[in-house]
Amino acid sequence: QEQCDQMIQQFAQTLSYQGMDINQYMKMSNTNLNQ
């Protein structure tokens, strides 16, 4: 779970470079943090 969270944090950082928030991504992709 710790590794999963680190990977999601890295993904969120990548999204931020593209001007997108991870919450926006989850809404657009119809998913949530657990998924």
PDB file of all heavy atoms in Angstrom:
ATOM      1  N   GLN A   1       0.830  -1.211   0.000  1.00  0.00           N
ATOM      2  CA  GLN A   1       0.000   0.000   0.000  1.00  0.00           C
ATOM      3  C   GLN A   1       0.861   1.255   0.000  1.00  0.00           C
ATOM      4  O   GLN A   1       0.534   2.250  -0.659  1.00  0.00           O
ATOM      5  CB  GLN A   1      -0.942  -0.002   1.209  1.00  0.00           C
ATOM      6  CG  GLN A   1      -2.039  -1.044   1.148  1.00  0.00           C
ATOM      7  CD  GLN A   1      -2.921  -0.893  -0.080  1.00  0.00           C
ATOM      8  OE1 GLN A   1      -3.293   0.196  -0.471  1.00  0.00           O
ATOM      9  NE2 GLN A   1      -3.233  -2.021  -0.719  1.00  0.00           N
ATOM     10  N   GLU A   2       1.958   1.222   0.738  1.00  0.00           N
ATOM     11  CA  GLU A   2       2.876   2.361   0.768  1.00  0.00           C
ATOM     12  C   GLU A   2       3.449   2.611  -0.635  1.00  0.00           C
ATOM     13  O   GLU A   2       3.544   3.761  -1.088  1.00  0.00           O
ATOM     14  CB  GLU A   2       4.008   2.081   1.758  1.00  0.00           C
ATOM     15  CG  GLU A   2       4.941   3.256   1.991  1.00  0.00           C
ATOM     16  CD  GLU A   2       4.386   4.295   2.936  1.00  0.00           C
ATOM     17  OE1 GLU A   2       3.374   4.026   3.610  1.00  0.00           O
ATOM     18  OE2 GLU A   2       4.959   5.393   2.986  1.00  0.00           O
ATOM     19  N   GLN A   3       3.831   1.540  -1.317  1.00  0.00           N
ATOM     20  CA  GLN A   3       4.367   1.668  -2.676  1.00  0.00           C
ATOM     21  C   GLN A   3       3.298   2.196  -3.631  1.00  0.00           C
ATOM     22  O   GLN A   3       3.584   3.036  -4.499  1.00  0.00           O
ATOM     23  CB  GLN A   3       4.890   0.312  -3.161  1.00  0.00           C
ATOM     24  CG  GLN A   3       5.482   0.318  -4.557  1.00  0.00           C
ATOM     25  CD  GLN A   3       6.791   1.067  -4.651  1.00  0.00           C
ATOM     26  OE1 GLN A   3       7.522   1.153  -3.681  1.00  0.00           O
ATOM     27  NE2 GLN A   3       7.067   1.628  -5.811  1.00  0.00           N
ATOM     28  N   CYS A   4       2.064   1.720  -3.478  1.00  0.00           N
ATOM     29  CA  CYS A   4       0.954   2.204  -4.311  1.00  0.00           C
ATOM     30  C   CYS A   4       0.782   3.708  -4.147  1.00  0.00           C
ATOM     31  O   CYS A   4       0.636   4.446  -5.128  1.00  0.00           O
ATOM     32  CB  CYS A   4      -0.346   1.496  -3.940  1.00  0.00           C
ATOM     33  SG  CYS A   4      -0.448  -0.234  -4.442  1.00  0.00           S
ATOM     34  N   ASP A   5       0.785   4.164  -2.895  1.00  0.00           N
ATOM     35  CA  ASP A   5       0.600   5.593  -2.618  1.00  0.00           C
ATOM     36  C   ASP A   5       1.745   6.417  -3.198  1.00  0.00           C
ATOM     37  O   ASP A   5       1.531   7.522  -3.708  1.00  0.00           O
ATOM     38  CB  ASP A   5       0.474   5.832  -1.112  1.00  0.00           C
ATOM     39  CG  ASP A   5      -0.853   5.342  -0.550  1.00  0.00           C
ATOM     40  OD1 ASP A   5      -1.776   5.096  -1.354  1.00  0.00           O
ATOM     41  OD2 ASP A   5      -0.970   5.186   0.671  1.00  0.00           O
ATOM     42  N   GLN A   6       2.967   5.900  -3.133  1.00  0.00           N
ATOM     43  CA  GLN A   6       4.107   6.616  -3.714  1.00  0.00           C
ATOM     44  C   GLN A   6       3.953   6.742  -5.231  1.00  0.00           C
ATOM     45  O   GLN A   6       4.233   7.803  -5.805  1.00  0.00           O
ATOM     46  CB  GLN A   6       5.408   5.883  -3.379  1.00  0.00           C
ATOM     47  CG  GLN A   6       5.849   6.015  -1.935  1.00  0.00           C
ATOM     48  CD  GLN A   6       7.130   5.257  -1.653  1.00  0.00           C
ATOM     49  OE1 GLN A   6       7.872   4.891  -2.567  1.00  0.00           O
ATOM     50  NE2 GLN A   6       7.400   5.003  -0.381  1.00  0.00           N
ATOM     51  N   MET A   7       3.485   5.671  -5.859  1.00  0.00           N
ATOM     52  CA  MET A   7       3.302   5.703  -7.311  1.00  0.00           C
ATOM     53  C   MET A   7       2.197   6.683  -7.705  1.00  0.00           C
ATOM     54  O   MET A   7       2.312   7.399  -8.707  1.00  0.00           O
ATOM     55  CB  MET A   7       2.990   4.300  -7.829  1.00  0.00           C
ATOM     56  CG  MET A   7       4.170   3.349  -7.739  1.00  0.00           C
ATOM     57  SD  MET A   7       3.741   1.624  -8.116  1.00  0.00           S
ATOM     58  CE  MET A   7       3.241   1.750  -9.839  1.00  0.00           C
ATOM     59  N   ILE A   8       1.138   6.732  -6.907  1.00  0.00           N
ATOM     60  CA  ILE A   8       0.048   7.670  -7.184  1.00  0.00           C
ATOM     61  C   ILE A   8       0.523   9.107  -6.986  1.00  0.00           C
ATOM     62  O   ILE A   8       0.171  10.008  -7.760  1.00  0.00           O
ATOM     63  CB  ILE A   8      -1.176   7.360  -6.293  1.00  0.00           C
ATOM     64  CG1 ILE A   8      -1.797   6.017  -6.721  1.00  0.00           C
ATOM     65  CG2 ILE A   8      -2.219   8.470  -6.386  1.00  0.00           C
ATOM     66  CD1 ILE A   8      -2.868   5.503  -5.792  1.00  0.00           C
ATOM     67  N   GLN A   9       1.354   9.327  -5.965  1.00  0.00           N
ATOM     68  CA  GLN A   9       1.920  10.666  -5.752  1.00  0.00           C
ATOM     69  C   GLN A   9       2.789  11.091  -6.934  1.00  0.00           C
ATOM     70  O   GLN A   9       2.738  12.250  -7.375  1.00  0.00           O
ATOM     71  CB  GLN A   9       2.739  10.687  -4.457  1.00  0.00           C
ATOM     72  CG  GLN A   9       1.904  10.662  -3.194  1.00  0.00           C
ATOM     73  CD  GLN A   9       2.751  10.521  -1.938  1.00  0.00           C
ATOM     74  OE1 GLN A   9       3.977  10.585  -1.997  1.00  0.00           O
ATOM     75  NE2 GLN A   9       2.100  10.319  -0.802  1.00  0.00           N
ATOM     76  N   GLN A  10       3.576  10.158  -7.446  1.00  0.00           N
ATOM     77  CA  GLN A  10       4.407  10.459  -8.621  1.00  0.00           C
ATOM     78  C   GLN A  10       3.535  10.774  -9.838  1.00  0.00           C
ATOM     79  O   GLN A  10       3.830  11.688 -10.612  1.00  0.00           O
ATOM     80  CB  GLN A  10       5.329   9.269  -8.923  1.00  0.00           C
ATOM     81  CG  GLN A  10       6.418   9.060  -7.878  1.00  0.00           C
ATOM     82  CD  GLN A  10       7.117   7.720  -8.025  1.00  0.00           C
ATOM     83  OE1 GLN A  10       6.754   6.893  -8.863  1.00  0.00           O
ATOM     84  NE2 GLN A  10       8.118   7.477  -7.193  1.00  0.00           N
ATOM     85  N   PHE A  11       2.445  10.016  -9.988  1.00  0.00           N
ATOM     86  CA  PHE A  11       1.514  10.253 -11.094  1.00  0.00           C
ATOM     87  C   PHE A  11       0.856  11.618 -10.947  1.00  0.00           C
ATOM     88  O   PHE A  11       0.703  12.361 -11.938  1.00  0.00           O
ATOM     89  CB  PHE A  11       0.459   9.145 -11.123  1.00  0.00           C
ATOM     90  CG  PHE A  11      -0.571   9.302 -12.200  1.00  0.00           C
ATOM     91  CD1 PHE A  11      -0.196   9.372 -13.535  1.00  0.00           C
ATOM     92  CD2 PHE A  11      -1.920   9.385 -11.891  1.00  0.00           C
ATOM     93  CE1 PHE A  11      -1.140   9.513 -14.543  1.00  0.00           C
ATOM     94  CE2 PHE A  11      -2.870   9.531 -12.882  1.00  0.00           C
ATOM     95  CZ  PHE A  11      -2.479   9.597 -14.208  1.00  0.00           C
ATOM     96  N   ALA A  12       0.484  11.975  -9.713  1.00  0.00           N
ATOM     97  CA  ALA A  12      -0.138  13.274  -9.449  1.00  0.00           C
ATOM     98  C   ALA A  12       0.821  14.406  -9.792  1.00  0.00           C
ATOM     99  O   ALA A  12       0.415  15.439 -10.335  1.00  0.00           O
ATOM    100  CB  ALA A  12      -0.574  13.370  -7.987  1.00  0.00           C
ATOM    101  N   GLN A  13       2.108  14.203  -9.489  1.00  0.00           N
ATOM    102  CA  GLN A  13       3.107  15.220  -9.808  1.00  0.00           C
ATOM    103  C   GLN A  13       3.247  15.379 -11.318  1.00  0.00           C
ATOM    104  O   GLN A  13       3.358  16.498 -11.829  1.00  0.00           O
ATOM    105  CB  GLN A  13       4.448  14.848  -9.183  1.00  0.00           C
ATOM    106  CG  GLN A  13       5.493  15.949  -9.260  1.00  0.00           C
ATOM    107  CD  GLN A  13       6.755  15.604  -8.490  1.00  0.00           C
ATOM    108  OE1 GLN A  13       7.173  14.448  -8.414  1.00  0.00           O
ATOM    109  NE2 GLN A  13       7.372  16.602  -7.889  1.00  0.00           N
ATOM    110  N   THR A  14       3.234  14.260 -12.040  1.00  0.00           N
ATOM    111  CA  THR A  14       3.313  14.304 -13.502  1.00  0.00           C
ATOM    112  C   THR A  14       2.110  15.057 -14.073  1.00  0.00           C
ATOM    113  O   THR A  14       2.248  15.877 -14.990  1.00  0.00           O
ATOM    114  CB  THR A  14       3.359  12.878 -14.088  1.00  0.00           C
ATOM    115  OG1 THR A  14       4.500  12.192 -13.574  1.00  0.00           O
ATOM    116  CG2 THR A  14       3.441  12.918 -15.605  1.00  0.00           C
ATOM    117  N   LEU A  15       0.924  14.785 -13.517  1.00  0.00           N
ATOM    118  CA  LEU A  15      -0.276  15.486 -13.963  1.00  0.00           C
ATOM    119  C   LEU A  15      -0.171  16.988 -13.718  1.00  0.00           C
ATOM    120  O   LEU A  15      -0.593  17.798 -14.552  1.00  0.00           O
ATOM    121  CB  LEU A  15      -1.512  14.939 -13.235  1.00  0.00           C
ATOM    122  CG  LEU A  15      -2.021  13.558 -13.636  1.00  0.00           C
ATOM    123  CD1 LEU A  15      -3.172  13.144 -12.733  1.00  0.00           C
ATOM    124  CD2 LEU A  15      -2.477  13.545 -15.091  1.00  0.00           C
ATOM    125  N   SER A  16       0.418  17.352 -12.568  1.00  0.00           N
ATOM    126  CA  SER A  16       0.532  18.778 -12.234  1.00  0.00           C
ATOM    127  C   SER A  16       1.406  19.510 -13.243  1.00  0.00           C
ATOM    128  O   SER A  16       1.174  20.680 -13.540  1.00  0.00           O
ATOM    129  CB  SER A  16       1.095  18.956 -10.811  1.00  0.00           C
ATOM    130  OG  SER A  16       2.462  18.572 -10.757  1.00  0.00           O
ATOM    131  N   TYR A  17       2.424  18.815 -13.789  1.00  0.00           N
ATOM    132  CA  TYR A  17       3.265  19.422 -14.825  1.00  0.00           C
ATOM    133  C   TYR A  17       2.456  19.702 -16.093  1.00  0.00           C
ATOM    134  O   TYR A  17       2.809  20.576 -16.881  1.00  0.00           O
ATOM    135  CB  TYR A  17       4.447  18.507 -15.170  1.00  0.00           C
ATOM    136  CG  TYR A  17       5.430  18.297 -14.041  1.00  0.00           C
ATOM    137  CD1 TYR A  17       6.127  17.105 -13.907  1.00  0.00           C
ATOM    138  CD2 TYR A  17       5.664  19.304 -13.095  1.00  0.00           C
ATOM    139  CE1 TYR A  17       7.040  16.912 -12.865  1.00  0.00           C
ATOM    140  CE2 TYR A  17       6.558  19.114 -12.054  1.00  0.00           C
ATOM    141  CZ  TYR A  17       7.242  17.923 -11.950  1.00  0.00           C
ATOM    142  OH  TYR A  17       8.132  17.732 -10.914  1.00  0.00           O
ATOM    143  N   GLN A  18       1.373  18.935 -16.265  1.00  0.00           N
ATOM    144  CA  GLN A  18       0.517  19.105 -17.445  1.00  0.00           C
ATOM    145  C   GLN A  18      -0.669  20.027 -17.164  1.00  0.00           C
ATOM    146  O   GLN A  18      -1.578  20.178 -17.991  1.00  0.00           O
ATOM    147  CB  GLN A  18       0.007  17.737 -17.909  1.00  0.00           C
ATOM    148  CG  GLN A  18       1.120  16.763 -18.262  1.00  0.00           C
ATOM    149  CD  GLN A  18       0.636  15.338 -18.460  1.00  0.00           C
ATOM    150  OE1 GLN A  18      -0.556  15.045 -18.333  1.00  0.00           O
ATOM    151  NE2 GLN A  18       1.543  14.430 -18.781  1.00  0.00           N
ATOM    152  N   GLY A  19      -0.644  20.628 -15.961  1.00  0.00           N
ATOM    153  CA  GLY A  19      -1.702  21.571 -15.600  1.00  0.00           C
ATOM    154  C   GLY A  19      -2.987  20.929 -15.146  1.00  0.00           C
ATOM    155  O   GLY A  19      -4.061  21.543 -15.187  1.00  0.00           O
ATOM    156  N   MET A  20      -2.903  19.673 -14.683  1.00  0.00           N
ATOM    157  CA  MET A  20      -4.109  18.974 -14.232  1.00  0.00           C
ATOM    158  C   MET A  20      -3.952  18.502 -12.797  1.00  0.00           C
ATOM    159  O   MET A  20      -2.884  18.047 -12.398  1.00  0.00           O
ATOM    160  CB  MET A  20      -4.416  17.776 -15.146  1.00  0.00           C
ATOM    161  CG  MET A  20      -5.700  17.046 -14.781  1.00  0.00           C
ATOM    162  SD  MET A  20      -6.027  15.581 -15.804  1.00  0.00           S
ATOM    163  CE  MET A  20      -6.394  16.357 -17.370  1.00  0.00           C
ATOM    164  N   ASP A  21      -4.999  18.595 -12.026  1.00  0.00           N
ATOM    165  CA  ASP A  21      -5.035  18.097 -10.656  1.00  0.00           C
ATOM    166  C   ASP A  21      -5.505  16.647 -10.672  1.00  0.00           C
ATOM    167  O   ASP A  21      -6.332  16.265 -11.511  1.00  0.00           O
ATOM    168  CB  ASP A  21      -5.999  18.965  -9.826  1.00  0.00           C
ATOM    169  CG  ASP A  21      -6.076  18.500  -8.388  1.00  0.00           C
ATOM    170  OD1 ASP A  21      -5.190  18.852  -7.602  1.00  0.00           O
ATOM    171  OD2 ASP A  21      -7.023  17.758  -8.075  1.00  0.00           O
ATOM    172  N   ILE A  22      -4.992  15.840  -9.745  1.00  0.00           N
ATOM    173  CA  ILE A  22      -5.368  14.419  -9.753  1.00  0.00           C
ATOM    174  C   ILE A  22      -6.855  14.227  -9.486  1.00  0.00           C
ATOM    175  O   ILE A  22      -7.473  13.274  -9.976  1.00  0.00           O
ATOM    176  CB  ILE A  22      -4.515  13.602  -8.752  1.00  0.00           C
ATOM    177  CG1 ILE A  22      -4.740  12.097  -8.993  1.00  0.00           C
ATOM    178  CG2 ILE A  22      -4.849  13.991  -7.300  1.00  0.00           C
ATOM    179  CD1 ILE A  22      -3.709  11.211  -8.391  1.00  0.00           C
ATOM    180  N   ASN A  23      -7.459  15.142  -8.728  1.00  0.00           N
ATOM    181  CA  ASN A  23      -8.905  15.047  -8.500  1.00  0.00           C
ATOM    182  C   ASN A  23      -9.676  15.273  -9.795  1.00  0.00           C
ATOM    183  O   ASN A  23     -10.699  14.622 -10.041  1.00  0.00           O
ATOM    184  CB  ASN A  23      -9.339  16.058  -7.438  1.00  0.00           C
ATOM    185  CG  ASN A  23      -8.777  15.716  -6.070  1.00  0.00           C
ATOM    186  OD1 ASN A  23      -8.790  14.563  -5.652  1.00  0.00           O
ATOM    187  ND2 ASN A  23      -8.283  16.714  -5.365  1.00  0.00           N
ATOM    188  N   GLN A  24      -9.177  16.196 -10.644  1.00  0.00           N
ATOM    189  CA  GLN A  24      -9.788  16.398 -11.956  1.00  0.00           C
ATOM    190  C   GLN A  24      -9.646  15.133 -12.805  1.00  0.00           C
ATOM    191  O   GLN A  24     -10.587  14.731 -13.503  1.00  0.00           O
ATOM    192  CB  GLN A  24      -9.115  17.569 -12.675  1.00  0.00           C
ATOM    193  CG  GLN A  24      -9.358  18.929 -12.045  1.00  0.00           C
ATOM    194  CD  GLN A  24      -8.538  20.006 -12.745  1.00  0.00           C
ATOM    195  OE1 GLN A  24      -7.327  19.878 -12.905  1.00  0.00           O
ATOM    196  NE2 GLN A  24      -9.188  21.077 -13.155  1.00  0.00           N
ATOM    197  N   TYR A  25      -8.457  14.535 -12.737  1.00  0.00           N
ATOM    198  CA  TYR A  25      -8.220  13.314 -13.506  1.00  0.00           C
ATOM    199  C   TYR A  25      -9.184  12.215 -13.083  1.00  0.00           C
ATOM    200  O   TYR A  25      -9.766  11.522 -13.938  1.00  0.00           O
ATOM    201  CB  TYR A  25      -6.782  12.842 -13.313  1.00  0.00           C
ATOM    202  CG  TYR A  25      -6.527  11.455 -13.868  1.00  0.00           C
ATOM    203  CD1 TYR A  25      -6.278  11.260 -15.223  1.00  0.00           C
ATOM    204  CD2 TYR A  25      -6.570  10.333 -13.030  1.00  0.00           C
ATOM    205  CE1 TYR A  25      -6.083   9.992 -15.738  1.00  0.00           C
ATOM    206  CE2 TYR A  25      -6.366   9.060 -13.536  1.00  0.00           C
ATOM    207  CZ  TYR A  25      -6.129   8.894 -14.892  1.00  0.00           C
ATOM    208  OH  TYR A  25      -5.939   7.631 -15.396  1.00  0.00           O
ATOM    209  N   MET A  26      -9.359  12.038 -11.771  1.00  0.00           N
ATOM    210  CA  MET A  26     -10.248  10.974 -11.286  1.00  0.00           C
ATOM    211  C   MET A  26     -11.687  11.219 -11.718  1.00  0.00           C
ATOM    212  O   MET A  26     -12.421  10.287 -12.034  1.00  0.00           O
ATOM    213  CB  MET A  26     -10.132  10.850  -9.762  1.00  0.00           C
ATOM    214  CG  MET A  26      -8.819  10.244  -9.290  1.00  0.00           C
ATOM    215  SD  MET A  26      -8.788   9.794  -7.529  1.00  0.00           S
ATOM    216  CE  MET A  26      -8.755  11.423  -6.767  1.00  0.00           C
ATOM    217  N   LYS A  27     -12.071  12.503 -11.737  1.00  0.00           N
ATOM    218  CA  LYS A  27     -13.440  12.822 -12.168  1.00  0.00           C
ATOM    219  C   LYS A  27     -13.608  12.529 -13.649  1.00  0.00           C
ATOM    220  O   LYS A  27     -14.598  11.934 -14.076  1.00  0.00           O
ATOM    221  CB  LYS A  27     -13.742  14.290 -11.872  1.00  0.00           C
ATOM    222  CG  LYS A  27     -15.196  14.671 -12.088  1.00  0.00           C
ATOM    223  CD  LYS A  27     -15.483  16.084 -11.589  1.00  0.00           C
ATOM    224  CE  LYS A  27     -16.958  16.423 -11.745  1.00  0.00           C
ATOM    225  NZ  LYS A  27     -17.270  17.782 -11.247  1.00  0.00           N
ATOM    226  N   MET A  28     -12.600  12.935 -14.454  1.00  0.00           N
ATOM    227  CA  MET A  28     -12.682  12.727 -15.900  1.00  0.00           C
ATOM    228  C   MET A  28     -12.627  11.249 -16.271  1.00  0.00           C
ATOM    229  O   MET A  28     -13.277  10.798 -17.214  1.00  0.00           O
ATOM    230  CB  MET A  28     -11.542  13.473 -16.606  1.00  0.00           C
ATOM    231  CG  MET A  28     -11.711  14.974 -16.652  1.00  0.00           C
ATOM    232  SD  MET A  28     -10.272  15.776 -17.395  1.00  0.00           S
ATOM    233  CE  MET A  28     -10.253  15.025 -19.026  1.00  0.00           C
ATOM    234  N   SER A  29     -11.810  10.487 -15.511  1.00  0.00           N
ATOM    235  CA  SER A  29     -11.638   9.066 -15.832  1.00  0.00           C
ATOM    236  C   SER A  29     -12.615   8.176 -15.066  1.00  0.00           C
ATOM    237  O   SER A  29     -12.519   6.945 -15.129  1.00  0.00           O
ATOM    238  CB  SER A  29     -10.200   8.628 -15.521  1.00  0.00           C
ATOM    239  OG  SER A  29      -9.898   8.824 -14.153  1.00  0.00           O
ATOM    240  N   ASN A  30     -13.526   8.839 -14.324  1.00  0.00           N
ATOM    241  CA  ASN A  30     -14.555   8.085 -13.605  1.00  0.00           C
ATOM    242  C   ASN A  30     -13.957   7.030 -12.673  1.00  0.00           C
ATOM    243  O   ASN A  30     -14.288   5.845 -12.726  1.00  0.00           O
ATOM    244  CB  ASN A  30     -15.508   7.423 -14.608  1.00  0.00           C
ATOM    245  CG  ASN A  30     -16.713   6.799 -13.931  1.00  0.00           C
ATOM    246  OD1 ASN A  30     -17.182   7.299 -12.912  1.00  0.00           O
ATOM    247  ND2 ASN A  30     -17.215   5.713 -14.487  1.00  0.00           N
ATOM    248  N   THR A  31     -13.029   7.473 -11.818  1.00  0.00           N
ATOM    249  CA  THR A  31     -12.384   6.560 -10.880  1.00  0.00           C
ATOM    250  C   THR A  31     -12.197   7.267  -9.544  1.00  0.00           C
ATOM    251  O   THR A  31     -12.502   8.451  -9.393  1.00  0.00           O
ATOM    252  CB  THR A  31     -11.025   6.094 -11.446  1.00  0.00           C
ATOM    253  OG1 THR A  31     -10.498   5.061 -10.620  1.00  0.00           O
ATOM    254  CG2 THR A  31     -10.024   7.233 -11.504  1.00  0.00           C
ATOM    255  N   ASN A  32     -11.719   6.533  -8.543  1.00  0.00           N
ATOM    256  CA  ASN A  32     -11.446   7.119  -7.233  1.00  0.00           C
ATOM    257  C   ASN A  32     -10.102   6.603  -6.730  1.00  0.00           C
ATOM    258  O   ASN A  32      -9.442   5.790  -7.382  1.00  0.00           O
ATOM    259  CB  ASN A  32     -12.572   6.810  -6.228  1.00  0.00           C
ATOM    260  CG  ASN A  32     -12.816   5.321  -6.051  1.00  0.00           C
ATOM    261  OD1 ASN A  32     -11.881   4.536  -5.912  1.00  0.00           O
ATOM    262  ND2 ASN A  32     -14.076   4.902  -6.071  1.00  0.00           N
ATOM    263  N   LEU A  33      -9.690   7.090  -5.551  1.00  0.00           N
ATOM    264  CA  LEU A  33      -8.365   6.770  -5.027  1.00  0.00           C
ATOM    265  C   LEU A  33      -8.189   5.272  -4.788  1.00  0.00           C
ATOM    266  O   LEU A  33      -7.134   4.703  -5.107  1.00  0.00           O
ATOM    267  CB  LEU A  33      -8.121   7.546  -3.735  1.00  0.00           C
ATOM    268  CG  LEU A  33      -6.675   7.667  -3.257  1.00  0.00           C
ATOM    269  CD1 LEU A  33      -5.786   8.257  -4.342  1.00  0.00           C
ATOM    270  CD2 LEU A  33      -6.590   8.502  -1.994  1.00  0.00           C
ATOM    271  N   ASN A  34      -9.205   4.626  -4.243  1.00  0.00           N
ATOM    272  CA  ASN A  34      -9.093   3.184  -3.992  1.00  0.00           C
ATOM    273  C   ASN A  34      -8.962   2.394  -5.289  1.00  0.00           C
ATOM    274  O   ASN A  34      -8.218   1.415  -5.368  1.00  0.00           O
ATOM    275  CB  ASN A  34     -10.313   2.690  -3.199  1.00  0.00           C
ATOM    276  CG  ASN A  34     -10.261   3.123  -1.744  1.00  0.00           C
ATOM    277  OD1 ASN A  34      -9.178   3.325  -1.190  1.00  0.00           O
ATOM    278  ND2 ASN A  34     -11.422   3.283  -1.126  1.00  0.00           N
ATOM    279  N   GLN A  35      -9.682   2.838  -6.326  1.00  0.00           N
ATOM    280  CA  GLN A  35      -9.581   2.163  -7.622  1.00  0.00           C
ATOM    281  C   GLN A  35      -8.200   2.379  -8.238  1.00  0.00           C
ATOM    282  O   GLN A  35      -7.635   1.466  -8.847  1.00  0.00           O
ATOM    283  CB  GLN A  35     -10.670   2.689  -8.565  1.00  0.00           C
ATOM    284  CG  GLN A  35     -12.067   2.208  -8.196  1.00  0.00           C
ATOM    285  CD  GLN A  35     -13.146   2.884  -9.028  1.00  0.00           C
ATOM    286  OE1 GLN A  35     -13.050   4.067  -9.349  1.00  0.00           O
ATOM    287  NE2 GLN A  35     -14.189   2.140  -9.373  1.00  0.00           N
TER     288      GLN A  35
END
